[in-house]
Amino acid sequence: MVVNVYATSAALEQCSRNELLAFVNNFLRANFTRIEEMSSGAAYCQLTELLFPGKISLKKVKWNSRNEVDWISNWRILQTVWKELGGVPVERLLRCKFQDNFEFLQWFKKFFDANYDGRQYDALQARNGEPLPASWTASSRSVPSKAPVVARNNSFATSTRREQYSSGRNTVTGIPNTITLQREYELMIQELKENIRLLRSQRHFYHDKVRKIKLLCQSAQDSSVIPREEILAILYDTQ
């Protein structure tokens, strides 16, 4: 039985960009470095197959395509499986914007945690060794011959990153690592800016609710009846 979850800006327990990427990379043995790379839908296909074995044929998934037509194909596969979960904002996700994909991945992680049964899963073998995402090539990251059993921790992502930054110091090969580190800091700054924007949005969200309730109470101050239903409607409104 599917356990559905509801995540709004008012109720969502926030995860950072790094935590979300570590979640995806740990379960799928992938190398996502940007939230926007999730817009291809391929990772969601495999994570859904992990939760509900047999619901998705991974042979139909376009793993490393940069073609938007293939991305749409992946999302159509997901929409078929996710009918009971409501609409998926495919058009917004395909634009590869950070915030749209960030908020959707926030929801999906919450959904994943509610439905994951803890079973062992070899993600790399399940997709026949296909690397994820499309930008990850064999020359940039080696693939172990035997996949480790997936665990509920970030040890794989952490050890991989530590190996990346510790190798090649004081040598010519260490220069790309410096560039990578700079890119990581840039992404962290971007994440902080997006978090500030999200917090401001939440502030306006709550302030608008308080304002509406205040106006409602002022209009009913001469009445002995408390407008309970109207107040509840404002509180539960997610728009």
Protein backbone atom coordinates (compact mmCIF):
# COMPACT_ATOMS: atom_id res chain seq x y z
CA MET A 1 0.00 0.00 0.00
CA VAL A 2 1.33 3.41 -0.99
CA VAL A 3 1.86 5.85 1.87
CA ASN A 4 1.29 9.31 0.44
CA VAL A 5 2.72 12.44 2.00
CA TYR A 6 1.95 16.11 1.66
CA ALA A 7 4.71 18.69 1.71
CA THR A 8 3.94 22.39 1.52
CA SER A 9 6.08 25.41 2.20
CA ALA A 10 4.33 25.66 5.54
CA ALA A 11 4.94 22.11 6.73
CA LEU A 12 8.04 20.83 4.94
CA GLU A 13 11.00 19.78 7.05
CA GLN A 14 13.83 21.22 5.00
CA CYS A 15 16.83 19.21 3.81
CA SER A 16 19.85 20.98 2.39
CA ARG A 17 21.00 20.55 -1.19
CA ASN A 18 23.93 18.41 -0.05
CA GLU A 19 21.66 16.16 2.02
CA LEU A 20 19.29 15.63 -0.90
CA LEU A 21 22.12 14.87 -3.33
CA ALA A 22 23.70 12.48 -0.82
CA PHE A 23 20.34 10.72 -0.48
CA VAL A 24 20.08 10.17 -4.25
CA ASN A 25 23.75 9.28 -4.74
CA ASN A 26 23.79 6.88 -1.80
CA PHE A 27 20.78 4.86 -2.93
CA LEU A 28 21.57 4.92 -6.66
CA ARG A 29 25.37 4.90 -6.53
CA ALA A 30 25.26 7.94 -8.76
CA ASN A 31 27.27 11.14 -8.99
CA PHE A 32 24.74 13.96 -9.02
CA THR A 33 26.35 17.27 -8.10
CA ARG A 34 23.49 19.60 -9.02
CA ILE A 35 19.81 19.45 -8.14
CA GLU A 36 18.97 20.51 -11.70
CA GLU A 37 20.36 17.21 -13.04
CA MET A 38 17.33 15.46 -11.54
CA SER A 39 15.16 17.04 -14.24
CA SER A 40 15.80 14.13 -16.64
CA GLY A 41 13.53 11.95 -14.49
CA ALA A 42 15.88 8.96 -14.73
CA ALA A 43 16.80 8.96 -11.04
CA TYR A 44 13.16 9.20 -10.00
CA CYS A 45 12.38 6.20 -12.22
CA GLN A 46 14.91 4.02 -10.42
CA LEU A 47 14.05 5.28 -6.94
CA THR A 48 10.40 4.49 -7.68
CA GLU A 49 11.38 1.02 -8.92
CA LEU A 50 13.33 0.57 -5.69
CA LEU A 51 10.22 1.38 -3.66
CA PHE A 52 7.80 -0.61 -5.81
CA PRO A 53 9.63 -3.51 -7.53
CA GLY A 54 8.21 -4.47 -10.90
CA LYS A 55 6.22 -1.26 -11.38
CA ILE A 56 8.78 0.26 -13.77
CA SER A 57 10.75 -1.46 -16.52
CA LEU A 58 14.21 0.08 -16.20
CA LYS A 59 15.00 -1.02 -19.76
CA LYS A 60 12.67 1.74 -20.96
CA VAL A 61 14.44 4.47 -18.99
CA LYS A 62 16.69 6.86 -20.93
CA TRP A 63 19.62 7.09 -18.52
CA ASN A 64 22.15 9.41 -20.12
CA SER A 65 20.28 11.32 -22.79
CA ARG A 66 20.53 15.09 -23.02
CA ASN A 67 17.48 15.16 -25.29
CA GLU A 68 14.37 16.70 -23.75
CA VAL A 69 12.20 14.24 -25.70
CA ASP A 70 13.85 11.39 -23.79
CA TRP A 71 13.37 13.24 -20.50
CA ILE A 72 9.66 13.61 -21.27
CA SER A 73 9.56 9.86 -21.96
CA ASN A 74 11.01 9.21 -18.50
CA TRP A 75 8.42 11.47 -16.85
CA ARG A 76 5.60 9.75 -18.74
CA ILE A 77 6.78 6.45 -17.32
CA LEU A 78 6.66 7.98 -13.85
CA GLN A 79 3.28 9.60 -14.33
CA THR A 80 1.79 6.24 -15.26
CA VAL A 81 3.01 4.80 -11.95
CA TRP A 82 2.21 7.90 -9.91
CA LYS A 83 -1.43 8.34 -10.94
CA GLU A 84 -2.55 7.86 -7.37
CA LEU A 85 -0.11 10.52 -6.16
CA GLY A 86 -1.63 13.42 -8.06
CA GLY A 87 -0.17 15.70 -10.69
CA VAL A 88 3.56 16.03 -11.26
CA PRO A 89 4.76 19.48 -12.49
CA VAL A 90 6.69 18.04 -15.44
CA GLU A 91 6.82 21.25 -17.46
CA ARG A 92 8.44 23.19 -14.61
CA LEU A 93 10.88 20.39 -13.79
CA LEU A 94 12.03 20.11 -17.41
CA ARG A 95 13.19 23.73 -17.33
CA CYS A 96 16.06 22.55 -15.10
CA LYS A 97 15.51 25.40 -12.64
CA PHE A 98 17.07 24.83 -9.23
CA GLN A 99 14.09 25.84 -7.09
CA ASP A 100 11.47 23.75 -8.92
CA ASN A 101 13.61 20.62 -8.79
CA PHE A 102 14.74 21.38 -5.22
CA GLU A 103 11.19 21.59 -3.88
CA PHE A 104 10.08 18.48 -5.79
CA LEU A 105 13.05 16.47 -4.52
CA GLN A 106 12.24 17.66 -0.99
CA TRP A 107 8.78 16.13 -1.36
CA PHE A 108 10.05 12.95 -3.02
CA LYS A 109 12.55 12.25 -0.24
CA LYS A 110 9.74 12.54 2.30
CA PHE A 111 7.64 10.17 0.17
CA PHE A 112 10.59 7.78 -0.20
CA ASP A 113 11.25 7.69 3.55
CA ALA A 114 7.58 6.93 4.20
CA ASN A 115 7.53 3.97 1.78
CA TYR A 116 11.04 2.47 1.88
CA ASP A 117 11.03 -0.97 3.53
CA GLY A 118 14.80 -1.16 4.07
CA ARG A 119 15.40 -3.95 1.56
CA GLN A 120 18.82 -4.40 -0.06
CA TYR A 121 19.14 -2.98 -3.56
CA ASP A 122 22.02 -2.92 -6.04
CA ALA A 123 21.17 0.17 -8.07
CA LEU A 124 24.13 -0.05 -10.45
CA GLN A 125 23.42 -3.64 -11.39
CA ALA A 126 19.70 -2.91 -11.78
CA ARG A 127 20.43 -0.35 -14.50
CA ASN A 128 23.12 -2.52 -16.14
CA GLY A 129 26.01 -0.32 -15.06
CA GLU A 130 24.66 2.85 -16.66
CA PRO A 131 26.26 5.93 -15.02
CA LEU A 132 24.17 8.75 -13.61
CA PRO A 133 23.82 11.58 -14.49
CA ALA A 134 24.62 12.12 -18.16
CA SER A 135 27.68 14.24 -17.37
CA TRP A 136 29.32 11.39 -15.42
CA THR A 137 31.73 9.51 -17.70
CA ALA A 138 33.94 6.49 -17.12
CA SER A 139 37.02 8.71 -17.31
CA SER A 140 35.86 10.96 -14.48
CA ARG A 141 34.79 8.29 -11.99
CA SER A 142 35.70 4.63 -11.73
CA VAL A 143 32.97 2.06 -11.13
CA PRO A 144 33.67 -0.72 -8.59
CA SER A 145 33.26 -4.21 -10.00
CA LYS A 146 31.03 -5.23 -7.12
CA ALA A 147 28.32 -2.89 -5.87
CA PRO A 148 28.04 -2.45 -2.11
CA VAL A 149 24.75 -3.09 -0.37
CA VAL A 150 22.75 0.11 -0.02
CA ALA A 151 22.59 1.44 3.54
CA ARG A 152 20.78 4.28 5.28
CA ASN A 153 23.81 6.54 5.53
CA ASN A 154 25.89 8.83 3.38
CA SER A 155 29.18 6.91 3.67
CA PHE A 156 29.43 6.23 -0.05
CA ALA A 157 28.95 9.85 -1.08
CA THR A 158 31.21 11.09 1.71
CA SER A 159 34.08 8.69 1.02
CA THR A 160 33.88 9.36 -2.72
CA ARG A 161 34.08 13.11 -2.22
CA ARG A 162 36.94 12.74 0.28
CA GLU A 163 38.87 10.60 -2.23
CA GLN A 164 38.25 13.16 -4.95
CA TYR A 165 39.70 16.04 -2.95
CA SER A 166 42.58 14.15 -1.33
CA SER A 167 44.05 12.79 -4.55
CA GLY A 168 46.45 14.74 -6.72
CA ARG A 169 47.57 17.34 -4.20
CA ASN A 170 50.61 19.45 -5.17
CA THR A 171 50.52 17.96 -8.66
CA VAL A 172 49.15 19.00 -12.00
CA THR A 173 46.21 16.62 -11.54
CA GLY A 174 45.24 18.52 -8.41
CA ILE A 175 44.23 21.60 -10.42
CA PRO A 176 40.84 20.20 -11.55
CA ASN A 177 40.10 19.41 -7.90
CA THR A 178 40.62 23.09 -7.03
CA ILE A 179 38.20 24.03 -9.78
CA THR A 180 35.74 21.46 -8.48
CA LEU A 181 36.08 22.84 -4.96
CA GLN A 182 35.43 26.35 -6.23
CA ARG A 183 32.33 25.10 -8.04
CA GLU A 184 31.20 23.43 -4.81
CA TYR A 185 31.46 26.74 -2.95
CA GLU A 186 29.54 28.49 -5.71
CA LEU A 187 26.77 25.91 -5.40
CA MET A 188 26.73 26.35 -1.62
CA ILE A 189 26.29 30.10 -2.09
CA GLN A 190 23.50 29.44 -4.56
CA GLU A 191 21.87 27.11 -2.06
CA LEU A 192 22.03 29.74 0.70
CA LYS A 193 20.49 32.34 -1.60
CA GLU A 194 17.69 29.93 -2.52
CA ASN A 195 17.11 29.15 1.16
CA ILE A 196 16.84 32.87 1.91
CA ARG A 197 14.33 33.25 -0.91
CA LEU A 198 12.36 30.28 0.40
CA LEU A 199 12.35 31.65 3.95
CA ARG A 200 11.11 35.00 2.70
CA SER A 201 8.38 33.22 0.77
CA GLN A 202 7.36 31.33 3.90
CA ARG A 203 7.35 34.57 5.90
CA HIS A 204 4.98 36.15 3.39
CA PHE A 205 2.92 32.93 3.41
CA TYR A 206 2.34 33.06 7.17
CA HIS A 207 1.93 36.83 7.27
CA ASP A 208 -0.81 36.61 4.65
CA LYS A 209 -2.65 34.00 6.74
CA VAL A 210 -2.46 36.19 9.84
CA ARG A 211 -3.69 39.19 7.87
CA LYS A 212 -6.67 37.26 6.48
CA ILE A 213 -7.63 35.92 9.90
CA LYS A 214 -7.30 39.40 11.41
CA LEU A 215 -9.62 40.88 8.78
CA LEU A 216 -12.07 38.04 9.29
CA CYS A 217 -12.12 38.58 13.05
CA GLN A 218 -12.57 42.33 12.63
CA SER A 219 -15.52 41.80 10.33
CA ALA A 220 -17.11 39.43 12.86
CA GLN A 221 -16.34 41.39 16.03
CA ASP A 222 -19.98 42.39 16.48
CA SER A 223 -21.09 38.78 16.23
CA SER A 224 -21.06 36.21 19.02
CA VAL A 225 -20.38 33.43 16.52
CA ILE A 226 -16.74 32.61 15.79
CA PRO A 227 -16.21 32.05 12.02
CA ARG A 228 -14.60 28.67 12.66
CA GLU A 229 -14.91 27.19 9.17
CA GLU A 230 -13.53 30.31 7.51
CA ILE A 231 -10.55 30.40 9.87
CA LEU A 232 -9.81 26.70 9.28
CA ALA A 233 -10.04 27.23 5.53
CA ILE A 234 -7.40 29.97 5.78
CA LEU A 235 -5.14 27.83 7.99
CA TYR A 236 -5.28 24.81 5.68
CA ASP A 237 -4.95 26.77 2.46
CA THR A 238 -1.62 25.92 0.80
CA GLN A 239 -1.73 28.53 -1.96
